[in-house]
PDB file of N, CA and C in Angstrom:
ATOM      1  N   MET A   1       9.415 -20.384  -7.823  1.00  0.00           N
ATOM      2  CA  MET A   1       9.424 -19.524  -8.766  1.00  0.00           C
ATOM      3  C   MET A   1       8.584 -18.292  -7.897  1.00  0.00           C
ATOM      4  N   GLN A   2       9.359 -17.328  -8.435  1.00  0.00           N
ATOM      5  CA  GLN A   2       9.003 -16.062  -7.979  1.00  0.00           C
ATOM      6  C   GLN A   2       7.891 -15.669  -8.516  1.00  0.00           C
ATOM      7  N   LYS A   3       6.740 -14.930  -8.042  1.00  0.00           N
ATOM      8  CA  LYS A   3       5.506 -14.130  -8.718  1.00  0.00           C
ATOM      9  C   LYS A   3       6.140 -12.703  -8.741  1.00  0.00           C
ATOM     10  N   HIS A   4       6.232 -12.160  -9.796  1.00  0.00           N
ATOM     11  CA  HIS A   4       6.272 -10.763 -10.341  1.00  0.00           C
ATOM     12  C   HIS A   4       5.060 -10.000 -10.303  1.00  0.00           C
ATOM     13  N   ASP A   5       5.122  -8.687  -9.313  1.00  0.00           N
ATOM     14  CA  ASP A   5       4.109  -7.629  -9.628  1.00  0.00           C
ATOM     15  C   ASP A   5       4.394  -6.939 -10.724  1.00  0.00           C
ATOM     16  N   ALA A   6       3.430  -6.799 -11.354  1.00  0.00           N
ATOM     17  CA  ALA A   6       3.522  -5.674 -12.645  1.00  0.00           C
ATOM     18  C   ALA A   6       3.244  -4.194 -12.094  1.00  0.00           C
ATOM     19  N   GLY A   7       3.022  -4.226 -11.103  1.00  0.00           N
ATOM     20  CA  GLY A   7       2.975  -2.547 -10.647  1.00  0.00           C
ATOM     21  C   GLY A   7       3.994  -2.080 -10.421  1.00  0.00           C
ATOM     22  N   PRO A   8       4.038  -0.811  -9.994  1.00  0.00           N
ATOM     23  CA  PRO A   8       5.750   0.049  -9.900  1.00  0.00           C
ATOM     24  C   PRO A   8       6.184  -0.465  -8.665  1.00  0.00           C
ATOM     25  N   PRO A   9       7.427  -0.332  -8.238  1.00  0.00           N
ATOM     26  CA  PRO A   9       8.126  -0.732  -7.149  1.00  0.00           C
ATOM     27  C   PRO A   9       7.577   0.109  -5.822  1.00  0.00           C
ATOM     28  N   HIS A  10       7.756  -0.601  -5.156  1.00  0.00           N
ATOM     29  CA  HIS A  10       7.267   0.353  -3.768  1.00  0.00           C
ATOM     30  C   HIS A  10       7.841   1.723  -3.338  1.00  0.00           C
ATOM     31  N   ASP A  11       9.133   1.908  -3.957  1.00  0.00           N
ATOM     32  CA  ASP A  11       9.614   3.293  -3.867  1.00  0.00           C
ATOM     33  C   ASP A  11       9.335   4.210  -4.905  1.00  0.00           C
ATOM     34  N   ALA A  12       8.546   3.949  -5.752  1.00  0.00           N
ATOM     35  CA  ALA A  12       7.516   5.121  -6.697  1.00  0.00           C
ATOM     36  C   ALA A  12       7.127   6.064  -6.070  1.00  0.00           C
ATOM     37  N   LEU A  13       7.194   7.333  -6.651  1.00  0.00           N
ATOM     38  CA  LEU A  13       6.587   8.354  -6.179  1.00  0.00           C
ATOM     39  C   LEU A  13       5.198   8.406  -6.431  1.00  0.00           C
ATOM     40  N   ILE A  14       4.687   7.791  -7.142  1.00  0.00           N
ATOM     41  CA  ILE A  14       2.968   7.949  -7.246  1.00  0.00           C
ATOM     42  C   ILE A  14       2.543   6.281  -7.884  1.00  0.00           C
ATOM     43  N   TYR A  15       1.325   5.768  -7.112  1.00  0.00           N
ATOM     44  CA  TYR A  15       0.686   4.785  -7.582  1.00  0.00           C
ATOM     45  C   TYR A  15      -0.587   4.890  -7.959  1.00  0.00           C
ATOM     46  N   SER A  16      -1.149   3.985  -8.719  1.00  0.00           N
ATOM     47  CA  SER A  16      -2.450   3.700  -9.126  1.00  0.00           C
ATOM     48  C   SER A  16      -3.288   3.312  -8.013  1.00  0.00           C
ATOM     49  N   GLU A  17      -4.593   3.453  -7.888  1.00  0.00           N
ATOM     50  CA  GLU A  17      -5.483   2.960  -6.935  1.00  0.00           C
ATOM     51  C   GLU A  17      -5.582   1.646  -6.780  1.00  0.00           C
ATOM     52  N   PRO A  18      -5.580   0.913  -7.834  1.00  0.00           N
ATOM     53  CA  PRO A  18      -5.398  -0.532  -7.380  1.00  0.00           C
ATOM     54  C   PRO A  18      -4.108  -0.903  -6.602  1.00  0.00           C
ATOM     55  N   HIS A  19      -3.126  -0.371  -7.124  1.00  0.00           N
ATOM     56  CA  HIS A  19      -1.770  -0.568  -6.216  1.00  0.00           C
ATOM     57  C   HIS A  19      -1.512  -0.015  -4.969  1.00  0.00           C
ATOM     58  N   ALA A  20      -2.143   1.283  -4.798  1.00  0.00           N
ATOM     59  CA  ALA A  20      -2.181   1.776  -3.573  1.00  0.00           C
ATOM     60  C   ALA A  20      -3.302   1.015  -2.585  1.00  0.00           C
ATOM     61  N   ALA A  21      -3.919   0.651  -2.996  1.00  0.00           N
ATOM     62  CA  ALA A  21      -4.787  -0.341  -2.016  1.00  0.00           C
ATOM     63  C   ALA A  21      -4.354  -1.666  -1.732  1.00  0.00           C
ATOM     64  N   ARG A  22      -3.448  -2.311  -2.696  1.00  0.00           N
ATOM     65  CA  ARG A  22      -2.771  -3.353  -2.439  1.00  0.00           C
ATOM     66  C   ARG A  22      -1.557  -2.999  -1.261  1.00  0.00           C
ATOM     67  N   MET A  23      -0.981  -2.372  -1.525  1.00  0.00           N
ATOM     68  CA  MET A  23       0.445  -1.923  -0.475  1.00  0.00           C
ATOM     69  C   MET A  23      -0.623  -1.539   1.012  1.00  0.00           C
ATOM     70  N   LEU A  24      -1.749  -0.963   0.940  1.00  0.00           N
ATOM     71  CA  LEU A  24      -2.335  -0.713   2.208  1.00  0.00           C
ATOM     72  C   LEU A  24      -2.788  -2.144   2.824  1.00  0.00           C
ATOM     73  N   GLY A  25      -3.201  -3.011   1.744  1.00  0.00           N
ATOM     74  CA  GLY A  25      -3.971  -4.286   2.364  1.00  0.00           C
ATOM     75  C   GLY A  25      -5.115  -3.898   2.573  1.00  0.00           C
ATOM     76  N   LEU A  26      -5.649  -3.081   1.740  1.00  0.00           N
ATOM     77  CA  LEU A  26      -7.256  -2.760   1.662  1.00  0.00           C
ATOM     78  C   LEU A  26      -7.853  -3.037   0.159  1.00  0.00           C
ATOM     79  N   ALA A  27      -8.713  -3.309  -0.107  1.00  0.00           N
ATOM     80  CA  ALA A  27      -9.839  -3.155  -1.414  1.00  0.00           C
ATOM     81  C   ALA A  27      -9.917  -1.925  -1.857  1.00  0.00           C
ATOM     82  N   PRO A  28      -9.694  -1.880  -3.310  1.00  0.00           N
ATOM     83  CA  PRO A  28      -9.981  -0.636  -4.023  1.00  0.00           C
ATOM     84  C   PRO A  28     -10.970   0.195  -3.282  1.00  0.00           C
ATOM     85  N   GLU A  29     -12.156  -0.153  -3.320  1.00  0.00           N
ATOM     86  CA  GLU A  29     -13.534   0.341  -2.878  1.00  0.00           C
ATOM     87  C   GLU A  29     -13.232   1.074  -1.452  1.00  0.00           C
ATOM     88  N   THR A  30     -12.429   0.325  -0.267  1.00  0.00           N
ATOM     89  CA  THR A  30     -12.120   0.953   0.919  1.00  0.00           C
ATOM     90  C   THR A  30     -11.553   2.094   0.576  1.00  0.00           C
ATOM     91  N   LEU A  31     -10.344   1.993  -0.184  1.00  0.00           N
ATOM     92  CA  LEU A  31      -9.581   3.147  -0.509  1.00  0.00           C
ATOM     93  C   LEU A  31     -10.142   4.364  -0.830  1.00  0.00           C
ATOM     94  N   ARG A  32     -11.313   4.076  -1.698  1.00  0.00           N
ATOM     95  CA  ARG A  32     -11.795   5.138  -2.497  1.00  0.00           C
ATOM     96  C   ARG A  32     -12.733   5.831  -1.164  1.00  0.00           C
ATOM     97  N   LYS A  33     -13.652   4.803  -0.621  1.00  0.00           N
ATOM     98  CA  LYS A  33     -14.257   5.731   0.575  1.00  0.00           C
ATOM     99  C   LYS A  33     -13.611   6.611   1.728  1.00  0.00           C
ATOM    100  N   LEU A  34     -12.355   5.917   1.506  1.00  0.00           N
ATOM    101  CA  LEU A  34     -11.582   6.679   2.531  1.00  0.00           C
ATOM    102  C   LEU A  34     -10.898   8.026   1.918  1.00  0.00           C
ATOM    103  N   ARG A  35     -10.798   8.193   0.655  1.00  0.00           N
ATOM    104  CA  ARG A  35     -10.729   9.514  -0.260  1.00  0.00           C
ATOM    105  C   ARG A  35     -11.389  10.171  -0.052  1.00  0.00           C
ATOM    106  N   SER A  36     -12.850   9.709  -0.380  1.00  0.00           N
ATOM    107  CA  SER A  36     -14.085  10.530  -0.505  1.00  0.00           C
ATOM    108  C   SER A  36     -14.348  11.353   0.906  1.00  0.00           C
ATOM    109  N   ARG A  37     -13.995  10.583   2.034  1.00  0.00           N
ATOM    110  CA  ARG A  37     -14.105  10.828   3.329  1.00  0.00           C
ATOM    111  C   ARG A  37     -12.956  12.041   3.920  1.00  0.00           C
ATOM    112  N   GLY A  38     -12.134  12.229   2.875  1.00  0.00           N
ATOM    113  CA  GLY A  38     -10.901  13.190   3.457  1.00  0.00           C
ATOM    114  C   GLY A  38      -9.950  12.490   4.192  1.00  0.00           C
ATOM    115  N   LEU A  39      -9.942  11.460   4.517  1.00  0.00           N
ATOM    116  CA  LEU A  39      -8.855  10.540   5.128  1.00  0.00           C
ATOM    117  C   LEU A  39      -7.241  10.064   4.394  1.00  0.00           C
ATOM    118  N   ILE A  40      -7.558  10.298   3.228  1.00  0.00           N
ATOM    119  CA  ILE A  40      -6.480  10.025   2.431  1.00  0.00           C
ATOM    120  C   ILE A  40      -6.336  10.985   1.231  1.00  0.00           C
ATOM    121  N   ALA A  41      -5.533  11.452   0.969  1.00  0.00           N
ATOM    122  CA  ALA A  41      -5.153  12.562  -0.112  1.00  0.00           C
ATOM    123  C   ALA A  41      -4.949  11.763  -1.365  1.00  0.00           C
ATOM    124  N   ALA A  42      -5.426  12.231  -2.487  1.00  0.00           N
ATOM    125  CA  ALA A  42      -5.100  11.681  -3.736  1.00  0.00           C
ATOM    126  C   ALA A  42      -5.034  12.764  -5.053  1.00  0.00           C
ATOM    127  N   VAL A  43      -4.227  12.490  -5.918  1.00  0.00           N
ATOM    128  CA  VAL A  43      -4.147  13.420  -7.066  1.00  0.00           C
ATOM    129  C   VAL A  43      -4.840  12.823  -8.193  1.00  0.00           C
ATOM    130  N   ARG A  44      -5.286  13.677  -8.802  1.00  0.00           N
ATOM    131  CA  ARG A  44      -6.417  13.427  -9.994  1.00  0.00           C
ATOM    132  C   ARG A  44      -5.306  13.925 -11.276  1.00  0.00           C
ATOM    133  N   ILE A  45      -5.114  12.794 -12.178  1.00  0.00           N
ATOM    134  CA  ILE A  45      -4.420  13.193 -13.875  1.00  0.00           C
ATOM    135  C   ILE A  45      -5.266  12.828 -14.409  1.00  0.00           C
ATOM    136  N   GLY A  46      -6.131  13.937 -15.320  1.00  0.00           N
ATOM    137  CA  GLY A  46      -7.249  13.183 -16.200  1.00  0.00           C
ATOM    138  C   GLY A  46      -8.147  12.555 -15.508  1.00  0.00           C
ATOM    139  N   ARG A  47      -8.168  11.339 -15.777  1.00  0.00           N
ATOM    140  CA  ARG A  47      -9.501  10.404 -15.496  1.00  0.00           C
ATOM    141  C   ARG A  47      -9.025   9.797 -14.345  1.00  0.00           C
ATOM    142  N   ARG A  48      -7.459   9.679 -14.061  1.00  0.00           N
ATOM    143  CA  ARG A  48      -6.993   8.762 -13.161  1.00  0.00           C
ATOM    144  C   ARG A  48      -6.805   9.323 -12.018  1.00  0.00           C
ATOM    145  N   VAL A  49      -7.016   8.342 -10.779  1.00  0.00           N
ATOM    146  CA  VAL A  49      -6.886   8.990  -9.271  1.00  0.00           C
ATOM    147  C   VAL A  49      -5.553   8.157  -8.908  1.00  0.00           C
ATOM    148  N   LEU A  50      -4.584   8.887  -8.461  1.00  0.00           N
ATOM    149  CA  LEU A  50      -3.471   8.656  -8.093  1.00  0.00           C
ATOM    150  C   LEU A  50      -3.244   9.120  -6.447  1.00  0.00           C
ATOM    151  N   TYR A  51      -2.249   8.125  -6.072  1.00  0.00           N
ATOM    152  CA  TYR A  51      -1.727   8.370  -4.758  1.00  0.00           C
ATOM    153  C   TYR A  51      -0.052   8.273  -4.653  1.00  0.00           C
ATOM    154  N   GLU A  52      -0.015   9.585  -4.018  1.00  0.00           N
ATOM    155  CA  GLU A  52       1.573   9.874  -3.646  1.00  0.00           C
ATOM    156  C   GLU A  52       2.047   8.545  -2.344  1.00  0.00           C
ATOM    157  N   ARG A  53       3.297   8.547  -2.547  1.00  0.00           N
ATOM    158  CA  ARG A  53       3.785   7.712  -1.549  1.00  0.00           C
ATOM    159  C   ARG A  53       3.820   8.226  -0.046  1.00  0.00           C
ATOM    160  N   ARG A  54       4.011   9.519  -0.184  1.00  0.00           N
ATOM    161  CA  ARG A  54       4.028  10.530   1.042  1.00  0.00           C
ATOM    162  C   ARG A  54       2.504  10.261   1.930  1.00  0.00           C
ATOM    163  N   ALA A  55       1.554  10.265   1.037  1.00  0.00           N
ATOM    164  CA  ALA A  55       0.270  10.468   1.341  1.00  0.00           C
ATOM    165  C   ALA A  55      -0.138   8.939   2.094  1.00  0.00           C
ATOM    166  N   LEU A  56       0.483   7.955   1.371  1.00  0.00           N
ATOM    167  CA  LEU A  56       0.089   6.817   2.229  1.00  0.00           C
ATOM    168  C   LEU A  56       0.769   6.656   3.202  1.00  0.00           C
ATOM    169  N   GLU A  57       2.160   6.969   3.497  1.00  0.00           N
ATOM    170  CA  GLU A  57       2.681   6.911   4.608  1.00  0.00           C
ATOM    171  C   GLU A  57       2.187   7.737   5.751  1.00  0.00           C
ATOM    172  N   GLN A  58       1.393   8.825   5.419  1.00  0.00           N
ATOM    173  CA  GLN A  58       0.915   9.872   6.245  1.00  0.00           C
ATOM    174  C   GLN A  58      -0.566   9.268   6.798  1.00  0.00           C
ATOM    175  N   PHE A  59      -1.220   8.525   5.855  1.00  0.00           N
ATOM    176  CA  PHE A  59      -2.488   7.696   6.450  1.00  0.00           C
ATOM    177  C   PHE A  59      -2.082   6.961   7.562  1.00  0.00           C
ATOM    178  N   VAL A  60      -0.919   6.099   6.679  1.00  0.00           N
ATOM    179  CA  VAL A  60      -0.652   5.004   7.978  1.00  0.00           C
ATOM    180  C   VAL A  60      -0.152   5.546   9.381  1.00  0.00           C
ATOM    181  N   ALA A  61       0.762   6.562   9.458  1.00  0.00           N
ATOM    182  CA  ALA A  61       1.430   7.229  10.660  1.00  0.00           C
ATOM    183  C   ALA A  61      -0.040   7.531  11.191  1.00  0.00           C
ATOM    184  N   GLU A  62      -1.011   8.253  10.555  1.00  0.00           N
ATOM    185  CA  GLU A  62      -2.172   8.808  11.359  1.00  0.00           C
ATOM    186  C   GLU A  62      -2.990   7.616  11.997  1.00  0.00           C
ATOM    187  N   MET A  63      -3.118   6.916  11.225  1.00  0.00           N
ATOM    188  CA  MET A  63      -3.895   5.642  11.853  1.00  0.00           C
ATOM    189  C   MET A  63      -3.211   5.048  13.050  1.00  0.00           C
ATOM    190  N   ARG A  64      -1.763   4.753  13.086  1.00  0.00           N
ATOM    191  CA  ARG A  64      -1.204   4.416  14.090  1.00  0.00           C
ATOM    192  C   ARG A  64      -1.661   5.422  15.427  1.00  0.00           C
ATOM    193  N   ARG A  65      -1.215   6.718  15.257  1.00  0.00           N
ATOM    194  CA  ARG A  65      -1.590   7.414  16.555  1.00  0.00           C
ATOM    195  C   ARG A  65      -2.974   7.297  16.839  1.00  0.00           C
ATOM    196  N   ALA A  66      -3.930   7.040  16.064  1.00  0.00           N
ATOM    197  CA  ALA A  66      -5.294   6.984  16.254  1.00  0.00           C
ATOM    198  C   ALA A  66      -5.895   5.794  17.161  1.00  0.00           C
ATOM    199  N   SER A  67      -4.994   4.749  16.853  1.00  0.00           N
ATOM    200  CA  SER A  67      -4.905   3.629  17.678  1.00  0.00           C
ATOM    201  C   SER A  67      -4.214   3.285  19.131  1.00  0.00           C
TER     202      SER A  67
END
């Protein structure tokens, strides 16, 4: 039996904080800390903090270059 993810597809334009954290393999709190330190960009729409797919991809690319 397959488990279905209730979040957006991986090719969505923008992701909620919990979904973005899952995609990166991080805890949501870790993602919030990275955002507050300016290491990953986010968009605030009302009270929600959202992450663009390209910001997640850019963060991963920067971490690869740094290692």
